[in-house]
Amino acid sequence: MIKFNVKYFWLTILLFLIETLIAVFLTDRFIRPFVGDVLVVILIYCFIKAFWQIRPSTAIAFVFAFACIIEGLQFLNFVDRLGLRDNQLIATMLGTTFDGKDILAYAIGAILVLVAER
């Protein structure tokens, strides 16, 4: 059911700004690649909850599955197969490099959501 939730909307905006700052200003080996992946799961979850009234466990399961599918597409070099590596927006959104640690980061983000929602 569609129902706007202002709390999740503002969390989405805040997390998007944090993710943007991380992407633009950090080039480290922990916060940008790992913490950024933890936060992106929470960001997508908050976006879903901002517009749809859905159980937290259902929403985060969907988000985790979506993130894993994107990571799987990276494993299959999907962006390269489409010839879109030079498209910075698509390459950034879908990613170009598979890393199994990303799935761990997604799982941590999902667990944090479930803990916070309880």
Protein backbone atom coordinates (compact mmCIF):
# COMPACT_ATOMS: atom_id res chain seq x y z
CA MET A 1 0.00 0.00 0.00
CA ILE A 2 1.32 3.44 -0.89
CA LYS A 3 1.59 5.73 2.11
CA PHE A 4 4.10 8.56 2.43
CA ASN A 5 6.26 8.48 5.57
CA VAL A 6 8.14 11.73 6.19
CA LYS A 7 10.58 10.17 8.69
CA TYR A 8 11.87 7.66 6.17
CA PHE A 9 11.89 10.30 3.45
CA TRP A 10 14.23 12.55 5.46
CA LEU A 11 16.40 9.56 6.37
CA THR A 12 16.63 8.77 2.66
CA ILE A 13 17.75 12.33 1.89
CA LEU A 14 20.30 12.30 4.73
CA LEU A 15 21.75 8.94 3.71
CA PHE A 16 21.90 10.03 0.07
CA LEU A 17 23.87 13.13 1.07
CA ILE A 18 26.23 11.04 3.21
CA GLU A 19 26.73 8.55 0.36
CA THR A 20 27.41 11.42 -2.04
CA LEU A 21 29.99 12.94 0.31
CA ILE A 22 31.66 9.55 0.72
CA ALA A 23 31.76 9.02 -3.06
CA VAL A 24 33.10 12.49 -3.84
CA PHE A 25 35.58 13.07 -1.03
CA LEU A 26 36.86 9.71 0.19
CA THR A 27 39.28 7.37 -1.53
CA ASP A 28 40.17 5.19 1.43
CA ARG A 29 39.98 1.40 1.59
CA PHE A 30 37.33 1.00 4.28
CA ILE A 31 34.72 3.75 4.52
CA ARG A 32 34.07 4.24 0.80
CA PRO A 33 33.97 0.61 -0.27
CA PHE A 34 32.62 -1.07 2.88
CA VAL A 35 30.71 1.47 4.97
CA GLY A 36 29.29 2.92 1.76
CA ASP A 37 27.86 -0.51 0.89
CA VAL A 38 26.41 -0.92 4.38
CA LEU A 39 24.75 2.48 4.07
CA VAL A 40 23.41 1.95 0.55
CA VAL A 41 21.28 -0.95 1.77
CA ILE A 42 19.87 1.24 4.53
CA LEU A 43 19.34 4.08 2.02
CA ILE A 44 17.32 1.90 -0.36
CA TYR A 45 15.35 0.48 2.57
CA CYS A 46 14.47 3.98 3.79
CA PHE A 47 13.44 4.98 0.27
CA ILE A 48 11.05 2.03 0.05
CA LYS A 49 9.64 2.73 3.52
CA ALA A 50 9.18 6.42 2.62
CA PHE A 51 6.59 5.54 -0.01
CA TRP A 52 5.23 2.09 0.78
CA GLN A 53 3.77 0.68 3.94
CA ILE A 54 5.51 -2.68 4.04
CA ARG A 55 6.79 -4.87 6.86
CA PRO A 56 10.45 -4.19 7.70
CA SER A 57 11.47 -7.83 7.23
CA THR A 58 9.86 -7.95 3.77
CA ALA A 59 11.38 -4.64 2.68
CA ILE A 60 14.91 -5.48 3.84
CA ALA A 61 14.73 -8.95 2.32
CA PHE A 62 13.86 -7.34 -1.00
CA VAL A 63 16.66 -4.78 -0.66
CA PHE A 64 19.23 -7.43 0.30
CA ALA A 65 18.19 -9.62 -2.65
CA PHE A 66 18.36 -6.62 -4.99
CA ALA A 67 21.86 -5.71 -3.76
CA CYS A 68 23.03 -9.30 -4.22
CA ILE A 69 21.61 -9.38 -7.75
CA ILE A 70 23.52 -6.20 -8.60
CA GLU A 71 26.68 -7.79 -7.17
CA GLY A 72 26.00 -10.88 -9.27
CA LEU A 73 25.72 -8.70 -12.35
CA GLN A 74 29.12 -7.26 -11.48
CA PHE A 75 30.49 -10.81 -11.33
CA LEU A 76 29.11 -11.35 -14.84
CA ASN A 77 30.68 -8.07 -16.08
CA PHE A 78 27.21 -6.84 -17.04
CA VAL A 79 28.22 -3.20 -17.57
CA ASP A 80 31.02 -4.25 -19.93
CA ARG A 81 28.74 -6.65 -21.82
CA LEU A 82 26.33 -3.77 -22.41
CA GLY A 83 29.22 -1.56 -23.51
CA LEU A 84 28.43 1.00 -20.79
CA ARG A 85 31.68 1.13 -18.83
CA ASP A 86 32.32 4.65 -20.15
CA ASN A 87 28.89 5.80 -18.94
CA GLN A 88 29.93 7.08 -15.52
CA LEU A 89 26.39 7.20 -14.11
CA ILE A 90 25.51 3.61 -15.08
CA ALA A 91 28.94 2.31 -14.11
CA THR A 92 28.65 3.98 -10.70
CA MET A 93 25.08 2.83 -10.06
CA LEU A 94 25.61 -0.80 -11.12
CA GLY A 95 29.27 -1.07 -10.24
CA THR A 96 31.94 -2.68 -12.36
CA THR A 97 33.93 -4.85 -9.95
CA PHE A 98 32.68 -7.89 -8.07
CA ASP A 99 33.80 -8.22 -4.45
CA GLY A 100 32.39 -10.90 -2.18
CA LYS A 101 32.96 -8.60 0.80
CA ASP A 102 30.23 -6.37 -0.58
CA ILE A 103 27.67 -9.08 0.18
CA LEU A 104 28.92 -9.09 3.78
CA ALA A 105 28.45 -5.30 3.87
CA TYR A 106 24.91 -5.67 2.51
CA ALA A 107 24.14 -8.28 5.16
CA ILE A 108 25.46 -6.00 7.92
CA GLY A 109 23.28 -3.17 6.60
CA ALA A 110 20.26 -5.49 6.57
CA ILE A 111 20.94 -6.65 10.13
CA LEU A 112 21.32 -3.04 11.31
CA VAL A 113 17.93 -2.22 9.78
CA LEU A 114 16.27 -5.17 11.49
CA VAL A 115 17.84 -4.28 14.84
CA ALA A 116 16.86 -0.61 14.49
CA GLU A 117 13.29 -1.51 13.54
CA ARG A 118 12.82 -3.65 16.65
